[in-house]
Amino acid sequence: MQGGKFITDEFGLSFEINSDTNEIRGVNCVEVNYKAIEKISDIIESSLGPNGRDKIIVDQDERITVTNDGRTILENFISAENVTSPALVLAKELSESQDNEIGDGTTSLVLIAKELLKNSLDLMKVKIHPVRIAEGNVKALNYVLEYMKTELCESIEKEKLRNACLEAAKTSLNSKVAGYFEGLPEICVNALFNICGERDGSIDLEKINIKLIKGGLMNQTELVNGVVIEKEMVISKKMMEQFTVNKECKIALLACPFEPPKLKNTGNIIISNCEEYMNLSSYEKDTFLEMIRLVKESGADLVLCQWGFDDEATSMLLENDLPAVRWVPGHELGYLGSLLNGKIVSRFEDLSSDSLGVCNVRLSEVGTDNTKFIYFTNKEVNNTTSTIIVRCANKFVGAEIERSITDALCAARNVMVESKIIYGGGSTELSIYCAINNFKRDKNHILNLLEPVDCSCFKMFAESLLVIPEVLAKNSGHPTDYVEKIIDAIVTNNLKNLGIDCFEGNEYVEMDKMRVFESFKSKASQYKMAVDFVNSILKINEAIRK
């Protein structure tokens, strides 16, 4: 760190002027970045695994977030603390990339990156060049990925795919508050299969909507194979009873406002007398009636409008017995178009019977706030949209349940897309550690074929991965030598897939029998992104802040 400059004034008094530029170089630069990552890693490590605990975060606006999701903790921590550390900003982007691409595993990713950076820093302190360490990390990563594919990875047969997705969703929900509801994994998998039918390389999770209702219990969560919108329908009382049960309707989807056209310029219409005002009022009324006539002639029983309409239009709709819903969001209108097999019309003149969609419609009021929902279902259309209705005590719990469901959907989706799994509970990391350290003394082992620097990088990589089983054991209340005993069992009995028992306190458990696993893609992504992050830090030689 550069110091300030000492100067002397005309009275002989000396004082220091601080430099406007701070510089950090070499090992100190990597060490400063490591300490920043260590800070956030120490915060989130207690949230890993089924016994992980939640964090309560209060931001600058006094908004509360209760979660154990790694990405959410990282985002809120950086925002709440107004963090400007480059390493933490990179870590935040790293977790976002993992979450956007895979949907889960952000906590493990940050823990592995922190441990890998720590061990790389130790190698730098014994005069190993950071570029050589980065190259060794890449070689170790390639070896680990190949070992996982050949020794640890398991393929899922097509007839067992649904059950594998269900078990993946259970594994994901084990560490979440939503895991207490045993029926939630099945709801997630049913929603997933409803939008894709069978194995498909492009599964759009945006087609699964999650609606939160304040009031009720989590076990009242339900899956609707259709679209549910939180809107109030403009409808007369005599027609209301028809929509308390599923009513088949012909629906017009409008992307145009239910109002007279407005001028496209900045000119004004000046009304100077009562007659002109009455003429304008009559024009507006005639325009509304013409719009209603066009809708009626098309045969529509219900109108869904992306834009609003005023009280006068509402009155006329009621007079003409034409139910309508206003301010329907554009993305929900798109989902409805897919569900109804209808066309979204941008001009009333283009309305016809061919543009209408058909489905069952039902009105419902649920929750302590009597929130109004409209259910749209269509049994004749598959692979469109599903909605998960979640009941929760308050908005904090509801937000965490929504994050949990999203993680479970992503975990099941990853298994469905790739149909390759790898066992969790720290078993993968323990098997890799034993394989790299060559406890069997195999003469043809890769460590015997590498240069000394690369050997150090391989052992350092294996040591870094142990952070996952160690943290799982710590969060489960196991003694400090618990992981060492599992390593001894793996080496002595020539076993694999042994992991941390997070529930009953046994010496070890076989994760393939417990069916605790995640997709191979998720685990591989964690290792790849951790190595990319650490190598990017290692290649930074100087940090300059002006």
Protein backbone atom coordinates (compact mmCIF):
# COMPACT_ATOMS: atom_id res chain seq x y z
CA MET A 1 0.00 0.00 0.00
CA GLN A 2 1.54 3.33 -1.00
CA GLY A 3 2.05 5.84 1.84
CA GLY A 4 1.48 9.57 1.76
CA LYS A 5 4.03 12.26 0.98
CA PHE A 6 5.63 14.31 3.84
CA ILE A 7 6.07 18.05 3.24
CA THR A 8 7.23 20.93 5.48
CA ASP A 9 5.63 24.36 5.65
CA GLU A 10 7.34 27.72 6.18
CA PHE A 11 7.15 27.33 9.98
CA GLY A 12 9.07 24.04 9.91
CA LEU A 13 6.03 21.89 10.68
CA SER A 14 5.88 18.54 8.82
CA PHE A 15 2.67 16.78 7.83
CA GLU A 16 1.59 14.00 5.47
CA ILE A 17 -0.50 14.36 2.32
CA ASN A 18 -2.25 11.09 1.44
CA SER A 19 -1.98 9.92 -2.16
CA ASP A 20 -5.11 9.88 -4.26
CA THR A 21 -4.18 6.46 -5.60
CA ASN A 22 -3.88 3.23 -3.56
CA GLU A 23 -2.03 0.29 -5.06
CA ILE A 24 -1.75 -3.35 -3.98
CA ARG A 25 0.64 -5.70 -5.75
CA GLY A 26 1.67 -9.34 -5.93
CA VAL A 27 0.73 -11.77 -3.16
CA ASN A 28 -0.88 -8.96 -1.15
CA CYS A 29 -3.34 -8.37 -3.97
CA VAL A 30 -4.49 -12.03 -3.91
CA GLU A 31 -4.57 -12.01 -0.10
CA VAL A 32 -6.84 -8.96 0.06
CA ASN A 33 -9.26 -10.60 -2.38
CA TYR A 34 -9.17 -13.85 -0.39
CA LYS A 35 -10.08 -12.06 2.84
CA ALA A 36 -13.08 -10.50 1.12
CA ILE A 37 -14.28 -13.92 -0.09
CA GLU A 38 -13.56 -15.45 3.32
CA LYS A 39 -15.90 -12.93 4.94
CA ILE A 40 -18.93 -13.87 2.86
CA SER A 41 -18.00 -17.58 2.94
CA ASP A 42 -18.00 -17.58 6.75
CA ILE A 43 -21.51 -16.11 6.64
CA ILE A 44 -23.09 -18.60 4.23
CA GLU A 45 -21.34 -21.83 5.27
CA SER A 46 -23.80 -22.43 8.12
CA SER A 47 -26.66 -22.47 5.57
CA LEU A 48 -25.30 -25.52 3.68
CA GLY A 49 -27.10 -28.84 3.78
CA PRO A 50 -30.35 -30.12 5.29
CA ASN A 51 -29.35 -28.80 8.72
CA GLY A 52 -28.36 -25.39 7.38
CA ARG A 53 -29.78 -22.38 9.16
CA ASP A 54 -31.48 -19.30 7.78
CA LYS A 55 -30.20 -15.74 7.73
CA ILE A 56 -32.26 -12.65 8.41
CA ILE A 57 -31.11 -9.66 6.37
CA VAL A 58 -32.41 -6.12 6.83
CA ASP A 59 -31.61 -3.75 3.98
CA GLN A 60 -31.28 0.03 4.01
CA ASP A 61 -35.04 0.45 3.54
CA GLU A 62 -35.78 -1.78 6.56
CA ARG A 63 -37.06 -4.57 4.31
CA ILE A 64 -36.56 -8.03 5.81
CA THR A 65 -35.38 -11.13 3.96
CA VAL A 66 -35.28 -14.54 5.67
CA THR A 67 -33.44 -17.16 3.62
CA ASN A 68 -30.72 -19.78 3.43
CA ASP A 69 -30.31 -19.45 -0.35
CA GLY A 70 -26.69 -18.67 -1.22
CA ARG A 71 -27.38 -16.28 -4.06
CA THR A 72 -30.00 -14.35 -2.11
CA ILE A 73 -27.68 -13.99 0.91
CA LEU A 74 -24.83 -12.81 -1.28
CA GLU A 75 -26.96 -10.28 -3.17
CA ASN A 76 -28.57 -8.84 -0.05
CA PHE A 77 -25.31 -8.76 1.90
CA ILE A 78 -23.51 -6.79 -0.80
CA SER A 79 -26.46 -4.41 -1.14
CA ALA A 80 -26.98 -3.95 2.62
CA GLU A 81 -23.29 -3.41 3.41
CA ASN A 82 -22.69 -1.24 0.36
CA VAL A 83 -19.71 -3.47 -0.49
CA THR A 84 -17.32 -2.25 -3.18
CA SER A 85 -14.72 -5.05 -2.98
CA PRO A 86 -13.97 -6.24 -6.53
CA ALA A 87 -13.68 -9.84 -5.35
CA LEU A 88 -17.13 -9.77 -3.71
CA VAL A 89 -18.65 -8.20 -6.80
CA LEU A 90 -17.09 -10.99 -8.87
CA ALA A 91 -18.42 -13.56 -6.39
CA LYS A 92 -21.89 -12.07 -6.70
CA GLU A 93 -21.73 -12.35 -10.49
CA LEU A 94 -20.38 -15.89 -10.09
CA SER A 95 -23.39 -16.94 -8.00
CA GLU A 96 -25.75 -15.26 -10.46
CA SER A 97 -24.20 -17.20 -13.35
CA GLN A 98 -24.55 -20.50 -11.47
CA ASP A 99 -28.13 -19.71 -10.47
CA ASN A 100 -29.16 -18.61 -13.98
CA GLU A 101 -27.54 -21.57 -15.71
CA ILE A 102 -28.19 -24.38 -13.20
CA GLY A 103 -30.57 -22.94 -10.60
CA ASP A 104 -28.89 -24.40 -7.51
CA GLY A 105 -25.50 -25.01 -5.89
CA THR A 106 -24.46 -21.40 -5.30
CA THR A 107 -23.49 -21.97 -1.65
CA SER A 108 -21.24 -24.92 -2.51
CA LEU A 109 -19.72 -22.93 -5.35
CA VAL A 110 -18.68 -20.01 -3.10
CA LEU A 111 -17.28 -22.36 -0.42
CA ILE A 112 -15.18 -24.29 -2.95
CA ALA A 113 -13.94 -21.06 -4.56
CA LYS A 114 -12.90 -19.67 -1.19
CA GLU A 115 -11.01 -22.83 -0.17
CA LEU A 116 -9.36 -23.13 -3.58
CA LEU A 117 -8.21 -19.50 -3.42
CA LYS A 118 -6.87 -20.02 0.11
CA ASN A 119 -4.80 -23.06 -0.89
CA SER A 120 -3.59 -21.33 -4.06
CA LEU A 121 -2.43 -18.43 -1.90
CA ASP A 122 -0.41 -20.90 0.24
CA LEU A 123 1.34 -22.16 -2.90
CA MET A 124 2.14 -18.58 -3.96
CA LYS A 125 3.79 -17.99 -0.58
CA VAL A 126 6.26 -20.82 -1.28
CA LYS A 127 7.29 -19.07 -4.51
CA ILE A 128 5.16 -20.98 -7.04
CA HIS A 129 4.15 -18.65 -9.84
CA PRO A 130 0.40 -17.86 -9.94
CA VAL A 131 0.21 -18.64 -13.67
CA ARG A 132 1.59 -22.14 -13.01
CA ILE A 133 -0.95 -22.58 -10.20
CA ALA A 134 -3.76 -21.54 -12.58
CA GLU A 135 -2.55 -24.05 -15.17
CA GLY A 136 -2.41 -26.76 -12.48
CA ASN A 137 -5.97 -25.94 -11.43
CA VAL A 138 -7.19 -26.45 -14.99
CA LYS A 139 -5.37 -29.79 -15.28
CA ALA A 140 -6.79 -30.95 -11.95
CA LEU A 141 -10.28 -29.87 -13.01
CA ASN A 142 -10.07 -31.83 -16.27
CA TYR A 143 -8.91 -34.93 -14.39
CA VAL A 144 -11.71 -34.59 -11.83
CA LEU A 145 -14.42 -34.17 -14.47
CA GLU A 146 -13.18 -37.24 -16.35
CA TYR A 147 -13.01 -39.25 -13.11
CA MET A 148 -16.57 -38.21 -12.25
CA LYS A 149 -17.82 -39.29 -15.68
CA THR A 150 -16.16 -42.72 -15.60
CA GLU A 151 -16.35 -43.65 -11.91
CA LEU A 152 -19.04 -41.66 -10.12
CA CYS A 153 -21.66 -40.70 -12.70
CA GLU A 154 -24.83 -42.77 -13.15
CA SER A 155 -27.19 -42.68 -16.12
CA ILE A 156 -30.96 -42.71 -15.66
CA GLU A 157 -33.15 -44.93 -17.81
CA LYS A 158 -36.13 -43.30 -19.46
CA GLU A 159 -38.72 -45.35 -17.56
CA LYS A 160 -37.12 -44.27 -14.25
CA LEU A 161 -36.81 -40.62 -15.20
CA ARG A 162 -39.87 -39.33 -13.33
CA ASN A 163 -38.83 -41.06 -10.11
CA ALA A 164 -35.27 -39.68 -10.47
CA CYS A 165 -36.65 -36.16 -10.93
CA LEU A 166 -38.78 -36.64 -7.82
CA GLU A 167 -35.75 -37.71 -5.75
CA ALA A 168 -33.70 -34.78 -7.09
CA ALA A 169 -36.45 -32.37 -6.04
CA LYS A 170 -36.54 -33.98 -2.56
CA THR A 171 -32.76 -33.58 -2.24
CA SER A 172 -33.01 -29.91 -3.17
CA LEU A 173 -35.87 -29.25 -0.73
CA ASN A 174 -34.20 -31.07 2.19
CA SER A 175 -32.31 -27.92 3.16
CA LYS A 176 -35.26 -25.57 2.67
CA VAL A 177 -38.14 -24.47 4.86
CA ALA A 178 -40.49 -25.87 2.20
CA GLY A 179 -39.03 -29.35 2.74
CA TYR A 180 -41.39 -29.92 5.70
CA PHE A 181 -44.25 -30.40 3.22
CA GLU A 182 -43.75 -33.91 1.83
CA GLY A 183 -46.09 -33.39 -1.11
CA LEU A 184 -44.19 -30.44 -2.57
CA PRO A 185 -41.58 -32.47 -4.57
CA GLU A 186 -44.37 -34.34 -6.35
CA ILE A 187 -46.15 -31.07 -7.16
CA CYS A 188 -42.92 -29.67 -8.65
CA VAL A 189 -42.30 -32.77 -10.79
CA ASN A 190 -45.92 -32.93 -12.00
CA ALA A 191 -45.70 -29.27 -13.01
CA LEU A 192 -42.45 -29.94 -14.83
CA PHE A 193 -43.79 -32.91 -16.77
CA ASN A 194 -46.98 -31.01 -17.57
CA ILE A 195 -45.06 -28.33 -19.50
CA CYS A 196 -42.71 -30.69 -21.34
CA GLY A 197 -44.47 -34.04 -21.62
CA GLU A 198 -41.33 -36.09 -22.06
CA ARG A 199 -37.59 -35.58 -22.13
CA ASP A 200 -36.87 -32.36 -23.97
CA GLY A 201 -33.67 -30.38 -24.40
CA SER A 202 -35.43 -27.04 -24.07
CA ILE A 203 -37.60 -26.85 -20.96
CA ASP A 204 -38.89 -23.36 -20.26
CA LEU A 205 -39.41 -22.97 -16.51
CA GLU A 206 -41.03 -19.59 -17.16
CA LYS A 207 -44.14 -21.59 -18.06
CA ILE A 208 -44.50 -22.58 -14.41
CA ASN A 209 -45.99 -19.71 -12.42
CA ILE A 210 -45.91 -19.49 -8.63
CA LYS A 211 -48.67 -17.59 -6.85
CA LEU A 212 -48.43 -16.78 -3.13
CA ILE A 213 -51.54 -16.53 -0.95
CA LYS A 214 -51.32 -15.10 2.55
CA GLY A 215 -53.15 -17.33 4.98
CA GLY A 216 -53.46 -21.08 5.32
CA LEU A 217 -50.93 -23.88 5.67
CA MET A 218 -48.15 -24.99 3.38
CA ASN A 219 -49.78 -28.40 2.92
CA GLN A 220 -52.67 -26.62 1.19
CA THR A 221 -50.37 -25.89 -1.75
CA GLU A 222 -51.98 -27.03 -5.00
CA LEU A 223 -51.03 -27.47 -8.64
CA VAL A 224 -53.25 -26.07 -11.38
CA ASN A 225 -52.62 -27.33 -14.90
CA GLY A 226 -53.40 -24.00 -16.43
CA VAL A 227 -53.07 -20.29 -15.75
CA VAL A 228 -54.16 -18.48 -12.59
CA ILE A 229 -54.22 -14.68 -12.56
CA GLU A 230 -54.70 -12.42 -9.56
CA LYS A 231 -57.37 -10.13 -10.99
CA GLU A 232 -60.95 -9.10 -10.35
CA MET A 233 -63.48 -9.74 -13.09
CA VAL A 234 -65.95 -7.03 -14.10
CA ILE A 235 -69.17 -9.03 -13.97
CA SER A 236 -72.77 -8.58 -12.91
CA LYS A 237 -74.09 -10.32 -9.81
CA LYS A 238 -76.56 -12.46 -11.77
CA MET A 239 -73.70 -13.88 -13.86
CA MET A 240 -71.33 -14.33 -10.90
CA GLU A 241 -72.87 -17.67 -9.87
CA GLN A 242 -72.07 -19.16 -13.27
CA PHE A 243 -68.31 -18.74 -12.61
CA THR A 244 -68.22 -20.29 -9.12
CA VAL A 245 -67.71 -23.63 -10.90
CA ASN A 246 -65.78 -24.33 -14.08
CA LYS A 247 -67.59 -22.62 -16.93
CA GLU A 248 -66.54 -23.18 -20.53
CA CYS A 249 -66.04 -19.80 -22.19
CA LYS A 250 -65.01 -18.39 -25.53
CA ILE A 251 -62.40 -15.78 -24.68
CA ALA A 252 -61.17 -12.74 -26.61
CA LEU A 253 -57.57 -11.70 -25.89
CA LEU A 254 -57.10 -7.98 -26.50
CA ALA A 255 -53.81 -6.11 -26.64
CA CYS A 256 -55.62 -2.85 -27.39
CA PRO A 257 -57.27 -0.44 -24.92
CA PHE A 258 -61.02 -0.61 -24.38
CA GLU A 259 -61.45 3.14 -24.95
CA PRO A 260 -61.81 5.71 -27.78
CA PRO A 261 -58.63 6.25 -29.82
CA LYS A 262 -56.43 9.12 -28.68
CA LEU A 263 -54.67 11.69 -30.83
CA LYS A 264 -51.07 10.83 -31.69
CA ASN A 265 -49.94 14.46 -31.47
CA THR A 266 -49.68 17.12 -28.77
CA GLY A 267 -52.72 19.07 -29.93
CA ASN A 268 -55.64 19.89 -27.63
CA ILE A 269 -59.39 19.73 -28.19
CA ILE A 270 -61.02 22.86 -26.86
CA ILE A 271 -64.64 22.52 -25.70
CA SER A 272 -66.28 25.97 -25.76
CA ASN A 273 -69.96 25.17 -25.15
CA CYS A 274 -72.34 22.54 -23.80
CA GLU A 275 -73.32 21.22 -27.23
CA GLU A 276 -69.72 20.38 -28.13
CA TYR A 277 -69.28 18.62 -24.80
CA MET A 278 -72.41 16.52 -25.37
CA ASN A 279 -71.23 15.63 -28.88
CA LEU A 280 -67.88 14.45 -27.50
CA SER A 281 -69.62 12.41 -24.79
CA SER A 282 -71.91 10.86 -27.38
CA TYR A 283 -68.90 9.96 -29.56
CA GLU A 284 -67.19 8.19 -26.67
CA LYS A 285 -70.35 6.27 -25.83
CA ASP A 286 -70.89 5.23 -29.44
CA THR A 287 -67.27 4.09 -29.66
CA PHE A 288 -67.64 1.91 -26.58
CA LEU A 289 -70.87 0.42 -27.90
CA GLU A 290 -69.22 -0.33 -31.25
CA MET A 291 -66.36 -2.13 -29.49
CA ILE A 292 -68.82 -4.17 -27.44
CA ARG A 293 -70.80 -4.99 -30.60
CA LEU A 294 -67.67 -6.29 -32.36
CA VAL A 295 -66.82 -8.47 -29.36
CA LYS A 296 -70.39 -9.83 -29.19
CA GLU A 297 -70.46 -10.57 -32.91
CA SER A 298 -67.27 -12.61 -32.63
CA GLY A 299 -69.04 -14.88 -30.16
CA ALA A 300 -66.86 -14.09 -27.12
CA ASP A 301 -68.23 -14.77 -23.63
CA LEU A 302 -65.31 -13.14 -21.79
CA VAL A 303 -62.79 -10.39 -22.62
CA LEU A 304 -59.22 -10.26 -21.28
CA CYS A 305 -57.67 -6.87 -21.94
CA GLN A 306 -54.01 -5.97 -21.51
CA TRP A 307 -55.00 -2.33 -20.96
CA GLY A 308 -57.55 -0.73 -18.69
CA PHE A 309 -60.99 0.80 -19.17
CA ASP A 310 -62.73 3.52 -17.21
CA ASP A 311 -65.94 3.55 -15.19
CA GLU A 312 -68.12 4.41 -18.18
CA ALA A 313 -66.83 1.39 -20.12
CA THR A 314 -67.33 -0.77 -17.01
CA SER A 315 -70.95 0.35 -16.78
CA MET A 316 -71.60 -0.45 -20.44
CA LEU A 317 -69.98 -3.88 -20.15
CA LEU A 318 -72.28 -4.68 -17.24
CA GLU A 319 -75.33 -3.41 -19.11
CA ASN A 320 -74.50 -5.68 -22.06
CA ASP A 321 -73.73 -8.73 -19.87
CA LEU A 322 -70.15 -8.98 -21.16
CA PRO A 323 -67.68 -10.05 -18.41
CA ALA A 324 -64.20 -8.56 -18.74
CA VAL A 325 -60.83 -8.46 -16.99
CA ARG A 326 -58.53 -5.46 -17.31
CA TRP A 327 -54.82 -4.88 -16.82
CA VAL A 328 -53.81 -8.46 -17.59
CA PRO A 329 -49.98 -8.50 -17.78
CA GLY A 330 -48.53 -9.13 -21.22
CA HIS A 331 -46.63 -12.31 -20.26
CA GLU A 332 -49.78 -13.82 -18.69
CA LEU A 333 -51.75 -12.89 -21.79
CA GLY A 334 -49.16 -14.81 -23.81
CA TYR A 335 -49.51 -17.89 -21.56
CA LEU A 336 -53.29 -17.68 -21.91
CA GLY A 337 -52.99 -17.49 -25.70
CA SER A 338 -50.98 -20.73 -25.64
CA LEU A 339 -53.41 -22.41 -23.23
CA LEU A 340 -56.58 -21.34 -25.07
CA ASN A 341 -55.25 -21.80 -28.61
CA GLY A 342 -56.40 -18.24 -29.19
CA LYS A 343 -54.90 -15.23 -30.91
CA ILE A 344 -53.97 -11.98 -29.21
CA VAL A 345 -55.73 -9.23 -31.18
CA SER A 346 -54.44 -5.66 -31.34
CA ARG A 347 -57.48 -4.13 -33.15
CA PHE A 348 -61.18 -4.66 -32.52
CA GLU A 349 -61.76 -4.85 -36.28
CA ASP A 350 -59.61 -8.00 -36.40
CA LEU A 351 -61.79 -9.90 -33.91
CA SER A 352 -63.43 -13.02 -35.32
CA SER A 353 -64.56 -16.42 -34.14
CA ASP A 354 -61.22 -17.89 -35.31
CA SER A 355 -59.27 -15.63 -32.95
CA LEU A 356 -61.14 -16.76 -29.83
CA GLY A 357 -59.78 -19.29 -27.36
CA VAL A 358 -61.81 -21.82 -25.40
CA CYS A 359 -61.21 -23.05 -21.85
CA ASN A 360 -62.85 -23.50 -18.46
CA VAL A 361 -62.98 -20.44 -16.20
CA ARG A 362 -63.57 -20.31 -12.45
CA LEU A 363 -63.56 -17.45 -9.92
CA SER A 364 -62.17 -17.94 -6.43
CA GLU A 365 -61.48 -15.92 -3.28
CA VAL A 366 -58.82 -17.39 -0.98
CA GLY A 367 -56.56 -16.37 1.87
CA THR A 368 -57.05 -14.09 4.84
CA ASP A 369 -57.16 -11.09 2.47
CA ASN A 370 -59.83 -12.71 0.26
CA THR A 371 -57.50 -12.38 -2.71
CA LYS A 372 -59.43 -12.75 -5.97
CA PHE A 373 -58.11 -15.29 -8.49
CA ILE A 374 -59.32 -16.41 -11.89
CA TYR A 375 -58.53 -20.01 -12.88
CA PHE A 376 -58.12 -20.94 -16.56
CA THR A 377 -57.82 -24.64 -17.36
CA ASN A 378 -57.97 -26.63 -20.59
CA LYS A 379 -57.68 -30.43 -20.48
CA GLU A 380 -57.48 -30.67 -24.26
CA VAL A 381 -54.17 -28.77 -24.44
CA ASN A 382 -50.90 -30.22 -23.08
CA ASN A 383 -47.38 -28.88 -22.57
CA THR A 384 -48.46 -25.29 -22.01
CA THR A 385 -48.51 -23.74 -18.56
CA SER A 386 -48.83 -24.78 -14.92
CA THR A 387 -49.43 -22.70 -11.80
CA ILE A 388 -48.43 -23.61 -8.26
CA ILE A 389 -50.67 -21.98 -5.64
CA VAL A 390 -48.71 -21.64 -2.38
CA ARG A 391 -50.39 -20.92 0.96
CA CYS A 392 -48.12 -19.29 3.56
CA ALA A 393 -48.29 -17.49 6.90
CA ASN A 394 -46.62 -14.25 5.79
CA LYS A 395 -44.74 -12.74 2.88
CA PHE A 396 -41.29 -13.56 4.31
CA VAL A 397 -42.04 -17.28 4.50
CA GLY A 398 -43.79 -17.08 1.14
CA ALA A 399 -40.78 -15.54 -0.58
CA GLU A 400 -38.49 -18.28 0.80
CA ILE A 401 -40.95 -21.01 -0.27
CA GLU A 402 -40.99 -19.53 -3.77
CA ARG A 403 -37.18 -19.63 -3.91
CA SER A 404 -37.25 -23.23 -2.63
CA ILE A 405 -39.74 -24.31 -5.29
CA THR A 406 -37.65 -22.65 -7.98
CA ASP A 407 -34.54 -24.54 -6.81
CA ALA A 408 -36.46 -27.84 -6.76
CA LEU A 409 -37.79 -27.24 -10.27
CA CYS A 410 -34.27 -26.50 -11.51
CA ALA A 411 -32.85 -29.63 -9.84
CA ALA A 412 -35.51 -31.84 -11.42
CA ARG A 413 -35.14 -30.07 -14.77
CA ASN A 414 -31.38 -30.69 -14.83
CA VAL A 415 -31.87 -34.42 -14.24
CA MET A 416 -34.55 -34.57 -16.94
CA VAL A 417 -32.44 -32.77 -19.54
CA GLU A 418 -29.17 -34.63 -19.00
CA SER A 419 -30.39 -37.86 -17.33
CA LYS A 420 -27.02 -38.19 -15.55
CA ILE A 421 -26.73 -37.97 -11.79
CA ILE A 422 -23.96 -37.84 -9.21
CA TYR A 423 -24.44 -38.54 -5.53
CA GLY A 424 -24.37 -35.79 -2.92
CA GLY A 425 -23.88 -35.53 0.82
CA GLY A 426 -20.18 -34.84 0.26
CA SER A 427 -19.65 -38.33 -1.26
CA THR A 428 -18.38 -36.99 -4.59
CA GLU A 429 -15.80 -34.75 -2.93
CA LEU A 430 -14.63 -37.55 -0.61
CA SER A 431 -14.23 -40.01 -3.49
CA ILE A 432 -12.27 -37.45 -5.52
CA TYR A 433 -10.02 -36.70 -2.53
CA CYS A 434 -9.20 -40.38 -2.05
CA ALA A 435 -8.65 -40.94 -5.78
CA ILE A 436 -6.23 -38.01 -6.20
CA ASN A 437 -4.20 -38.76 -3.08
CA ASN A 438 -3.57 -42.34 -4.32
CA PHE A 439 -4.02 -44.04 -0.95
CA LYS A 440 -3.95 -47.37 -2.80
CA ARG A 441 -0.36 -46.69 -3.93
CA ASP A 442 -1.10 -47.36 -7.59
CA LYS A 443 2.15 -47.14 -9.57
CA ASN A 444 0.34 -45.87 -12.68
CA HIS A 445 -1.44 -43.12 -10.81
CA ILE A 446 -1.51 -39.72 -12.44
CA LEU A 447 0.52 -38.11 -9.63
CA ASN A 448 3.47 -40.27 -10.65
CA LEU A 449 3.28 -38.88 -14.17
CA LEU A 450 3.11 -35.17 -13.32
CA GLU A 451 5.69 -32.52 -12.58
CA PRO A 452 6.10 -31.54 -8.90
CA VAL A 453 4.24 -28.25 -9.32
CA ASP A 454 1.26 -29.97 -10.94
CA CYS A 455 1.28 -32.61 -8.19
CA SER A 456 0.99 -29.85 -5.61
CA CYS A 457 -1.91 -28.31 -7.53
CA PHE A 458 -3.72 -31.64 -7.76
CA LYS A 459 -3.41 -32.30 -4.02
CA MET A 460 -4.40 -28.71 -3.28
CA PHE A 461 -7.49 -29.11 -5.49
CA ALA A 462 -8.52 -32.31 -3.69
CA GLU A 463 -7.95 -30.65 -0.31
CA SER A 464 -10.15 -27.73 -1.34
CA LEU A 465 -13.08 -30.00 -2.20
CA LEU A 466 -13.12 -31.40 1.35
CA VAL A 467 -14.71 -28.15 2.51
CA ILE A 468 -18.13 -29.50 1.43
CA PRO A 469 -18.19 -32.67 3.61
CA GLU A 470 -16.48 -30.80 6.44
CA VAL A 471 -19.11 -28.05 6.52
CA LEU A 472 -21.94 -30.61 6.19
CA ALA A 473 -20.51 -32.52 9.16
CA LYS A 474 -20.09 -29.34 11.18
CA ASN A 475 -23.67 -28.19 10.48
CA SER A 476 -24.94 -31.66 11.47
CA GLY A 477 -23.13 -31.61 14.83
CA HIS A 478 -20.58 -34.36 14.09
CA PRO A 479 -17.17 -34.43 15.84
CA THR A 480 -14.11 -32.93 14.14
CA ASP A 481 -12.65 -36.33 13.14
CA TYR A 482 -15.89 -37.51 11.49
CA VAL A 483 -14.71 -36.83 7.93
CA GLU A 484 -11.39 -38.57 8.57
CA LYS A 485 -13.25 -41.72 9.66
CA ILE A 486 -15.25 -41.73 6.42
CA ILE A 487 -12.03 -41.38 4.41
CA ASP A 488 -10.59 -44.36 6.31
CA ALA A 489 -13.73 -46.39 5.52
CA ILE A 490 -13.52 -45.52 1.82
CA VAL A 491 -9.85 -46.54 1.61
CA THR A 492 -10.07 -49.62 3.87
CA ASN A 493 -13.27 -51.13 2.49
CA ASN A 494 -12.80 -49.93 -1.11
CA LEU A 495 -16.20 -48.20 -1.04
CA LYS A 496 -17.55 -45.21 -2.90
CA ASN A 497 -20.59 -42.95 -2.56
CA LEU A 498 -20.04 -42.70 1.20
CA GLY A 499 -21.20 -39.38 2.55
CA ILE A 500 -22.22 -37.40 5.61
CA ASP A 501 -25.17 -38.64 7.64
CA CYS A 502 -27.02 -35.40 8.30
CA PHE A 503 -29.94 -36.94 10.17
CA GLU A 504 -29.28 -39.96 12.40
CA GLY A 505 -25.63 -39.51 13.43
CA ASN A 506 -24.28 -42.78 11.97
CA GLU A 507 -20.60 -43.18 11.14
CA TYR A 508 -21.34 -42.90 7.44
CA VAL A 509 -24.11 -43.64 4.94
CA GLU A 510 -24.15 -44.78 1.33
CA MET A 511 -25.70 -41.99 -0.66
CA ASP A 512 -26.74 -44.26 -3.53
CA LYS A 513 -28.98 -46.14 -1.06
CA MET A 514 -30.24 -42.89 0.48
CA ARG A 515 -30.94 -41.60 -3.06
CA VAL A 516 -29.39 -38.22 -2.32
CA PHE A 517 -28.08 -36.86 -5.59
CA GLU A 518 -27.99 -33.97 -8.04
CA SER A 519 -27.39 -33.72 -11.76
CA PHE A 520 -23.89 -34.21 -13.10
CA LYS A 521 -24.24 -30.89 -14.90
CA SER A 522 -24.82 -29.03 -11.64
CA LYS A 523 -21.78 -30.51 -9.88
CA ALA A 524 -19.52 -30.03 -12.90
CA SER A 525 -20.66 -26.41 -13.21
CA GLN A 526 -19.75 -25.73 -9.57
CA TYR A 527 -16.19 -26.96 -10.09
CA LYS A 528 -15.72 -25.20 -13.43
CA MET A 529 -16.97 -21.83 -12.19
CA ALA A 530 -14.94 -22.06 -8.98
CA VAL A 531 -11.75 -22.71 -10.98
CA ASP A 532 -12.52 -19.89 -13.43
CA PHE A 533 -13.10 -17.49 -10.55
CA VAL A 534 -9.90 -18.44 -8.69
CA ASN A 535 -7.77 -18.33 -11.84
CA SER A 536 -9.10 -14.87 -12.66
CA ILE A 537 -8.03 -13.70 -9.17
CA LEU A 538 -4.61 -15.36 -9.45
CA LYS A 539 -3.85 -13.55 -12.68
CA ILE A 540 -4.45 -10.14 -11.10
CA ASN A 541 -1.01 -8.69 -10.32
CA GLU A 542 -2.00 -5.23 -9.20
CA ALA A 543 -5.11 -3.53 -7.85
CA ILE A 544 -5.36 0.24 -8.28
CA ARG A 545 -8.05 2.35 -6.64
CA LYS A 546 -8.23 6.03 -7.48
